[in-house]
C-alpha cells in the first residue's frame, strides 16, 4: 500500500499528521502514543504510552504544539519510507528503489535499530547517528578543536533535561562526489558524548540533512533519489 502523509517542520522537529500528531524521530529505537496505539498504512500498532523520561505532554511543551506520540525506528523499519520536507510529505511503503546509498557502518548492540552513516566533517571522516529528532546536529569536541565558537544554543535531552552548548560552523560532505556545504554543529555535554563514544560514533546528524535532501529510509539504510538535492 502506497500512502503519503503531510508533514510540517515545527521548531526544527518533523511532525507528521497521520490522524495523530507524531514526531518522526529516527534517534529513538521505540515509538509511543498517549493512547497506546499508532495507526499507519492501515495498521493499528500497539505501542507504549510513554518512554523513560518522555511523554506526549513533555514533547508538546518542548516543541510548542500538540504532540500525541513519537514515531521511532521500531515502526519506521517496517516500511520503505521517504521524507520530503520540500514538498511537505512523508511517503510510506514507497517501493521505488533509489540508487544513491549513503555509506553506513555497523553499530554495536547498544544502538541496534538506529541509522548510521559515514561522512566528512572539516575534512575528517566521521561516523554519525542519523537523528531526525535532533533540531541541531552535534559533533565530537576534537573535530572542532581550535575553532572559534559561533555562540551558544539551548537544547534538551530526556536523559539530562535542558542544556546549552557552544556551536561551530563546519564543512560537511555527506557522500563521495557531493559538494561540501556548511552547517552548524553543537558539542554534546560530557554525559551524552560518552554515550556516543560507547557506540563508536563521532556525532549526531540531525534535521539539517533532511532539509537539504529528500531521503528514503529502506532496510536500515539511507538513500537519495536520482535528483539529489
C-alpha atoms as a PDB file:
ATOM      1  CA  UNK A   1       0.000   0.000   0.000  1.00  0.00           C
ATOM      2  CA  UNK A   2       1.428   3.382  -1.029  1.00  0.00           C
ATOM      3  CA  UNK A   3       0.448   6.105   1.426  1.00  0.00           C
ATOM      4  CA  UNK A   4       1.538   9.682   1.922  1.00  0.00           C
ATOM      5  CA  UNK A   5       1.090  11.836   4.981  1.00  0.00           C
ATOM      6  CA  UNK A   6       1.514  15.602   5.294  1.00  0.00           C
ATOM      7  CA  UNK A   7       4.451  16.722   7.414  1.00  0.00           C
ATOM      8  CA  UNK A   8       5.374  20.074   8.923  1.00  0.00           C
ATOM      9  CA  UNK A   9       8.581  21.399  10.388  1.00  0.00           C
ATOM     10  CA  UNK A  10       7.854  22.998  13.764  1.00  0.00           C
ATOM     11  CA  UNK A  11      10.780  24.366  15.751  1.00  0.00           C
ATOM     12  CA  UNK A  12      13.054  22.076  13.703  1.00  0.00           C
ATOM     13  CA  UNK A  13      11.034  18.937  14.503  1.00  0.00           C
ATOM     14  CA  UNK A  14       9.289  16.853  11.812  1.00  0.00           C
ATOM     15  CA  UNK A  15       5.611  16.491  12.699  1.00  0.00           C
ATOM     16  CA  UNK A  16       3.562  14.000  10.671  1.00  0.00           C
ATOM     17  CA  UNK A  17      -0.237  14.204  10.579  1.00  0.00           C
ATOM     18  CA  UNK A  18      -1.480  10.617  10.350  1.00  0.00           C
ATOM     19  CA  UNK A  19      -4.782  11.479  12.069  1.00  0.00           C
ATOM     20  CA  UNK A  20      -2.441  11.869  15.041  1.00  0.00           C
ATOM     21  CA  UNK A  21       0.331  14.389  15.562  1.00  0.00           C
ATOM     22  CA  UNK A  22       3.552  12.392  15.733  1.00  0.00           C
ATOM     23  CA  UNK A  23       7.196  13.444  15.923  1.00  0.00           C
ATOM     24  CA  UNK A  24       9.278  11.484  13.413  1.00  0.00           C
ATOM     25  CA  UNK A  25      12.341  10.513  15.435  1.00  0.00           C
ATOM     26  CA  UNK A  26      14.958   8.212  13.904  1.00  0.00           C
ATOM     27  CA  UNK A  27      17.051   8.735  17.019  1.00  0.00           C
ATOM     28  CA  UNK A  28      14.569   6.762  19.139  1.00  0.00           C
ATOM     29  CA  UNK A  29      14.607   2.948  18.935  1.00  0.00           C
ATOM     30  CA  UNK A  30      10.981   2.774  20.111  1.00  0.00           C
ATOM     31  CA  UNK A  31       7.682   4.501  19.423  1.00  0.00           C
ATOM     32  CA  UNK A  32       4.944   5.565  21.793  1.00  0.00           C
ATOM     33  CA  UNK A  33       1.497   7.173  21.781  1.00  0.00           C
ATOM     34  CA  UNK A  34      -0.590   8.603  24.596  1.00  0.00           C
ATOM     35  CA  UNK A  35      -3.456   6.275  23.620  1.00  0.00           C
ATOM     36  CA  UNK A  36      -1.153   3.182  23.273  1.00  0.00           C
ATOM     37  CA  UNK A  37      -1.892   2.815  19.526  1.00  0.00           C
ATOM     38  CA  UNK A  38      -0.370   4.268  16.349  1.00  0.00           C
ATOM     39  CA  UNK A  39      -2.301   3.992  13.083  1.00  0.00           C
ATOM     40  CA  UNK A  40      -0.147   3.836   9.958  1.00  0.00           C
ATOM     41  CA  UNK A  41      -0.684   2.353   6.481  1.00  0.00           C
ATOM     42  CA  UNK A  42      -3.959   0.764   7.539  1.00  0.00           C
ATOM     43  CA  UNK A  43      -2.348  -0.919  10.543  1.00  0.00           C
ATOM     44  CA  UNK A  44      -3.096  -0.309  14.204  1.00  0.00           C
ATOM     45  CA  UNK A  45       0.189  -0.838  16.010  1.00  0.00           C
ATOM     46  CA  UNK A  46       0.230  -1.287  19.779  1.00  0.00           C
ATOM     47  CA  UNK A  47       2.885   0.848  21.482  1.00  0.00           C
ATOM     48  CA  UNK A  48       3.725   2.093  24.959  1.00  0.00           C
ATOM     49  CA  UNK A  49       2.053   5.250  26.265  1.00  0.00           C
ATOM     50  CA  UNK A  50       5.447   6.822  27.026  1.00  0.00           C
ATOM     51  CA  UNK A  51       9.151   6.008  27.146  1.00  0.00           C
ATOM     52  CA  UNK A  52      11.534   6.725  30.040  1.00  0.00           C
ATOM     53  CA  UNK A  53      11.770  10.473  30.525  1.00  0.00           C
ATOM     54  CA  UNK A  54       9.477  11.291  27.592  1.00  0.00           C
ATOM     55  CA  UNK A  55       5.698  11.596  27.344  1.00  0.00           C
ATOM     56  CA  UNK A  56       3.364  13.267  24.860  1.00  0.00           C
ATOM     57  CA  UNK A  57       2.868  16.189  27.261  1.00  0.00           C
ATOM     58  CA  UNK A  58       6.629  16.587  27.655  1.00  0.00           C
ATOM     59  CA  UNK A  59       7.161  16.710  23.876  1.00  0.00           C
ATOM     60  CA  UNK A  60       4.230  19.106  23.434  1.00  0.00           C
ATOM     61  CA  UNK A  61       5.773  21.528  25.915  1.00  0.00           C
ATOM     62  CA  UNK A  62       9.212  21.349  24.272  1.00  0.00           C
ATOM     63  CA  UNK A  63       8.127  21.523  20.622  1.00  0.00           C
ATOM     64  CA  UNK A  64       5.407  24.128  21.104  1.00  0.00           C
ATOM     65  CA  UNK A  65       2.482  22.277  19.553  1.00  0.00           C
ATOM     66  CA  UNK A  66       0.240  19.341  20.445  1.00  0.00           C
ATOM     67  CA  UNK A  67       2.117  16.058  20.157  1.00  0.00           C
ATOM     68  CA  UNK A  68       0.247  12.761  20.537  1.00  0.00           C
ATOM     69  CA  UNK A  69       3.243  10.459  20.275  1.00  0.00           C
ATOM     70  CA  UNK A  70       6.532   9.591  18.681  1.00  0.00           C
ATOM     71  CA  UNK A  71       7.265   7.534  15.567  1.00  0.00           C
ATOM     72  CA  UNK A  72      10.519   5.690  16.289  1.00  0.00           C
ATOM     73  CA  UNK A  73      12.667   3.171  14.478  1.00  0.00           C
ATOM     74  CA  UNK A  74      10.708   0.087  15.590  1.00  0.00           C
ATOM     75  CA  UNK A  75       7.864   1.239  13.314  1.00  0.00           C
ATOM     76  CA  UNK A  76       9.924   3.100  10.695  1.00  0.00           C
ATOM     77  CA  UNK A  77      11.822  -0.134   9.970  1.00  0.00           C
ATOM     78  CA  UNK A  78       8.572  -1.801   8.886  1.00  0.00           C
ATOM     79  CA  UNK A  79       8.222   0.205   5.675  1.00  0.00           C
ATOM     80  CA  UNK A  80      10.261   1.840   2.941  1.00  0.00           C
ATOM     81  CA  UNK A  81       9.708   5.472   3.879  1.00  0.00           C
ATOM     82  CA  UNK A  82      10.745   8.754   2.266  1.00  0.00           C
ATOM     83  CA  UNK A  83      10.830  12.127   3.995  1.00  0.00           C
ATOM     84  CA  UNK A  84      10.442  15.091   1.661  1.00  0.00           C
ATOM     85  CA  UNK A  85      10.450  18.359   3.583  1.00  0.00           C
ATOM     86  CA  UNK A  86      10.441  20.367   0.361  1.00  0.00           C
ATOM     87  CA  UNK A  87       7.037  19.113  -0.736  1.00  0.00           C
ATOM     88  CA  UNK A  88       5.782  18.559   2.821  1.00  0.00           C
ATOM     89  CA  UNK A  89       5.031  14.837   2.688  1.00  0.00           C
ATOM     90  CA  UNK A  90       6.222  11.572   4.161  1.00  0.00           C
ATOM     91  CA  UNK A  91       5.780   8.738   1.677  1.00  0.00           C
ATOM     92  CA  UNK A  92       5.277   5.361   3.351  1.00  0.00           C
ATOM     93  CA  UNK A  93       5.599   1.947   1.708  1.00  0.00           C
ATOM     94  CA  UNK A  94       7.204   3.639  -1.265  1.00  0.00           C
ATOM     95  CA  UNK A  95       8.746   0.751  -3.225  1.00  0.00           C
ATOM     96  CA  UNK A  96      10.757   2.961  -5.597  1.00  0.00           C
ATOM     97  CA  UNK A  97      14.405   1.861  -5.487  1.00  0.00           C
ATOM     98  CA  UNK A  98      16.785   4.803  -5.215  1.00  0.00           C
ATOM     99  CA  UNK A  99      20.390   4.041  -6.219  1.00  0.00           C
ATOM    100  CA  UNK A 100      22.418   6.505  -4.156  1.00  0.00           C
ATOM    101  CA  UNK A 101      23.047   4.960  -0.736  1.00  0.00           C
ATOM    102  CA  UNK A 102      24.803   6.924   1.958  1.00  0.00           C
ATOM    103  CA  UNK A 103      27.644   4.845   3.366  1.00  0.00           C
ATOM    104  CA  UNK A 104      26.680   3.232   6.656  1.00  0.00           C
ATOM    105  CA  UNK A 105      28.625   1.413   9.357  1.00  0.00           C
ATOM    106  CA  UNK A 106      27.817  -1.340  11.806  1.00  0.00           C
ATOM    107  CA  UNK A 107      26.528  -0.193  15.170  1.00  0.00           C
ATOM    108  CA  UNK A 108      27.063  -2.091  18.392  1.00  0.00           C
ATOM    109  CA  UNK A 109      24.313  -3.723  20.488  1.00  0.00           C
ATOM    110  CA  UNK A 110      23.608  -0.521  22.436  1.00  0.00           C
ATOM    111  CA  UNK A 111      22.467   1.255  19.269  1.00  0.00           C
ATOM    112  CA  UNK A 112      20.869  -1.543  17.262  1.00  0.00           C
ATOM    113  CA  UNK A 113      17.960  -0.306  15.178  1.00  0.00           C
ATOM    114  CA  UNK A 114      19.292   3.232  14.761  1.00  0.00           C
ATOM    115  CA  UNK A 115      20.524   4.703  11.478  1.00  0.00           C
ATOM    116  CA  UNK A 116      24.206   5.469  10.981  1.00  0.00           C
ATOM    117  CA  UNK A 117      26.248   6.987   8.155  1.00  0.00           C
ATOM    118  CA  UNK A 118      29.850   7.848   7.373  1.00  0.00           C
ATOM    119  CA  UNK A 119      30.534  11.360   6.173  1.00  0.00           C
ATOM    120  CA  UNK A 120      33.244  14.018   6.221  1.00  0.00           C
ATOM    121  CA  UNK A 121      33.229  16.982   8.619  1.00  0.00           C
ATOM    122  CA  UNK A 122      36.033  19.551   8.440  1.00  0.00           C
ATOM    123  CA  UNK A 123      37.922  17.193   6.103  1.00  0.00           C
ATOM    124  CA  UNK A 124      37.872  14.398   8.670  1.00  0.00           C
ATOM    125  CA  UNK A 125      35.986  11.107   8.247  1.00  0.00           C
ATOM    126  CA  UNK A 126      33.346  10.687  10.952  1.00  0.00           C
ATOM    127  CA  UNK A 127      30.655   8.211  11.960  1.00  0.00           C
ATOM    128  CA  UNK A 128      27.292   9.796  12.671  1.00  0.00           C
ATOM    129  CA  UNK A 129      23.959   8.693  14.126  1.00  0.00           C
ATOM    130  CA  UNK A 130      21.089   9.990  11.971  1.00  0.00           C
ATOM    131  CA  UNK A 131      18.512  11.593  14.239  1.00  0.00           C
ATOM    132  CA  UNK A 132      15.515  13.435  12.798  1.00  0.00           C
ATOM    133  CA  UNK A 133      14.541  14.244  16.386  1.00  0.00           C
ATOM    134  CA  UNK A 134      17.652  16.409  16.804  1.00  0.00           C
ATOM    135  CA  UNK A 135      16.905  20.045  15.878  1.00  0.00           C
ATOM    136  CA  UNK A 136      20.659  20.687  15.990  1.00  0.00           C
ATOM    137  CA  UNK A 137      23.488  18.401  14.847  1.00  0.00           C
ATOM    138  CA  UNK A 138      26.312  17.536  17.240  1.00  0.00           C
ATOM    139  CA  UNK A 139      29.953  16.619  16.764  1.00  0.00           C
ATOM    140  CA  UNK A 140      32.817  15.388  18.914  1.00  0.00           C
ATOM    141  CA  UNK A 141      34.815  18.196  20.519  1.00  0.00           C
ATOM    142  CA  UNK A 142      38.006  17.000  18.790  1.00  0.00           C
ATOM    143  CA  UNK A 143      36.545  17.810  15.343  1.00  0.00           C
ATOM    144  CA  UNK A 144      36.113  21.487  16.253  1.00  0.00           C
ATOM    145  CA  UNK A 145      39.253  21.838  18.394  1.00  0.00           C
ATOM    146  CA  UNK A 146      40.912  25.199  17.803  1.00  0.00           C
ATOM    147  CA  UNK A 147      37.859  26.727  16.087  1.00  0.00           C
ATOM    148  CA  UNK A 148      36.179  29.894  17.325  1.00  0.00           C
ATOM    149  CA  UNK A 149      32.673  29.303  18.625  1.00  0.00           C
ATOM    150  CA  UNK A 150      29.725  30.917  16.818  1.00  0.00           C
ATOM    151  CA  UNK A 151      27.876  31.288  20.111  1.00  0.00           C
ATOM    152  CA  UNK A 152      25.716  29.130  22.357  1.00  0.00           C
ATOM    153  CA  UNK A 153      22.346  27.473  21.839  1.00  0.00           C
ATOM    154  CA  UNK A 154      19.845  25.849  24.194  1.00  0.00           C
ATOM    155  CA  UNK A 155      18.560  22.316  23.655  1.00  0.00           C
ATOM    156  CA  UNK A 156      17.085  19.474  25.697  1.00  0.00           C
ATOM    157  CA  UNK A 157      17.560  15.746  26.063  1.00  0.00           C
ATOM    158  CA  UNK A 158      15.434  13.334  28.105  1.00  0.00           C
ATOM    159  CA  UNK A 159      18.486  11.947  29.922  1.00  0.00           C
ATOM    160  CA  UNK A 160      19.764  15.276  31.235  1.00  0.00           C
ATOM    161  CA  UNK A 161      16.999  17.829  30.636  1.00  0.00           C
ATOM    162  CA  UNK A 162      17.774  21.308  29.325  1.00  0.00           C
ATOM    163  CA  UNK A 163      21.348  22.207  28.439  1.00  0.00           C
ATOM    164  CA  UNK A 164      23.328  24.782  26.474  1.00  0.00           C
ATOM    165  CA  UNK A 165      26.347  24.255  24.286  1.00  0.00           C
ATOM    166  CA  UNK A 166      28.856  26.048  22.085  1.00  0.00           C
ATOM    167  CA  UNK A 167      28.255  25.886  18.326  1.00  0.00           C
ATOM    168  CA  UNK A 168      30.562  25.818  15.314  1.00  0.00           C
ATOM    169  CA  UNK A 169      30.062  26.067  11.559  1.00  0.00           C
ATOM    170  CA  UNK A 170      31.712  23.091   9.835  1.00  0.00           C
ATOM    171  CA  UNK A 171      32.150  21.936   6.244  1.00  0.00           C
ATOM    172  CA  UNK A 172      30.192  18.750   5.533  1.00  0.00           C
ATOM    173  CA  UNK A 173      30.379  16.206   2.701  1.00  0.00           C
ATOM    174  CA  UNK A 174      27.666  13.550   3.158  1.00  0.00           C
ATOM    175  CA  UNK A 175      28.785  11.236   0.350  1.00  0.00           C
ATOM    176  CA  UNK A 176      31.578  10.830  -2.194  1.00  0.00           C
ATOM    177  CA  UNK A 177      31.079  13.104  -5.181  1.00  0.00           C
ATOM    178  CA  UNK A 178      28.883  15.617  -3.354  1.00  0.00           C
ATOM    179  CA  UNK A 179      29.913  19.242  -2.954  1.00  0.00           C
ATOM    180  CA  UNK A 180      30.684  20.373   0.603  1.00  0.00           C
ATOM    181  CA  UNK A 181      28.217  22.588   2.403  1.00  0.00           C
ATOM    182  CA  UNK A 182      28.465  24.490   5.672  1.00  0.00           C
ATOM    183  CA  UNK A 183      26.261  23.778   8.675  1.00  0.00           C
ATOM    184  CA  UNK A 184      26.022  24.397  12.390  1.00  0.00           C
ATOM    185  CA  UNK A 185      27.088  21.809  14.967  1.00  0.00           C
ATOM    186  CA  UNK A 186      26.935  21.847  18.728  1.00  0.00           C
ATOM    187  CA  UNK A 187      29.164  19.919  21.112  1.00  0.00           C
ATOM    188  CA  UNK A 188      27.333  17.420  23.298  1.00  0.00           C
ATOM    189  CA  UNK A 189      27.537  17.611  27.087  1.00  0.00           C
ATOM    190  CA  UNK A 190      30.035  15.159  28.558  1.00  0.00           C
ATOM    191  CA  UNK A 191      27.461  12.516  29.536  1.00  0.00           C
ATOM    192  CA  UNK A 192      25.910  12.349  26.079  1.00  0.00           C
ATOM    193  CA  UNK A 193      29.308  12.481  24.415  1.00  0.00           C
ATOM    194  CA  UNK A 194      30.378   9.452  26.427  1.00  0.00           C
ATOM    195  CA  UNK A 195      27.237   7.612  25.300  1.00  0.00           C
ATOM    196  CA  UNK A 196      28.165   8.242  21.663  1.00  0.00           C
ATOM    197  CA  UNK A 197      31.723   7.077  22.294  1.00  0.00           C
ATOM    198  CA  UNK A 198      30.370   3.802  23.670  1.00  0.00           C
ATOM    199  CA  UNK A 199      28.742   3.059  20.305  1.00  0.00           C
ATOM    200  CA  UNK A 200      31.820   4.320  18.414  1.00  0.00           C
ATOM    201  CA  UNK A 201      30.062   7.297  16.854  1.00  0.00           C
ATOM    202  CA  UNK A 202      31.531  10.782  16.465  1.00  0.00           C
ATOM    203  CA  UNK A 203      28.309  12.746  16.470  1.00  0.00           C
ATOM    204  CA  UNK A 204      24.675  13.162  15.513  1.00  0.00           C
ATOM    205  CA  UNK A 205      23.464  14.477  12.180  1.00  0.00           C
ATOM    206  CA  UNK A 206      20.031  15.968  12.699  1.00  0.00           C
ATOM    207  CA  UNK A 207      17.310  17.725  10.786  1.00  0.00           C
ATOM    208  CA  UNK A 208      19.705  19.709   8.558  1.00  0.00           C
ATOM    209  CA  UNK A 209      20.385  16.606   6.460  1.00  0.00           C
ATOM    210  CA  UNK A 210      16.670  16.274   5.728  1.00  0.00           C
ATOM    211  CA  UNK A 211      16.345  19.966   4.925  1.00  0.00           C
ATOM    212  CA  UNK A 212      18.917  19.532   2.153  1.00  0.00           C
ATOM    213  CA  UNK A 213      17.906  16.147   0.732  1.00  0.00           C
ATOM    214  CA  UNK A 214      14.855  14.054   0.026  1.00  0.00           C
ATOM    215  CA  UNK A 215      15.791  10.889   1.892  1.00  0.00           C
ATOM    216  CA  UNK A 216      14.412   7.384   1.698  1.00  0.00           C
ATOM    217  CA  UNK A 217      14.861   5.036   4.650  1.00  0.00           C
ATOM    218  CA  UNK A 218      14.903   1.449   3.442  1.00  0.00           C
ATOM    219  CA  UNK A 219      16.183  -1.738   5.087  1.00  0.00           C
ATOM    220  CA  UNK A 220      18.109   0.204   7.698  1.00  0.00           C
ATOM    221  CA  UNK A 221      19.952   2.487   5.249  1.00  0.00           C
ATOM    222  CA  UNK A 222      19.532   5.955   3.763  1.00  0.00           C
ATOM    223  CA  UNK A 223      19.078   6.530   0.025  1.00  0.00           C
ATOM    224  CA  UNK A 224      18.906   9.664  -2.107  1.00  0.00           C
ATOM    225  CA  UNK A 225      16.643   9.852  -5.177  1.00  0.00           C
ATOM    226  CA  UNK A 226      18.419  10.448  -8.508  1.00  0.00           C
ATOM    227  CA  UNK A 227      17.762  14.183  -8.465  1.00  0.00           C
ATOM    228  CA  UNK A 228      19.675  14.563  -5.203  1.00  0.00           C
ATOM    229  CA  UNK A 229      19.129  17.954  -3.605  1.00  0.00           C
END
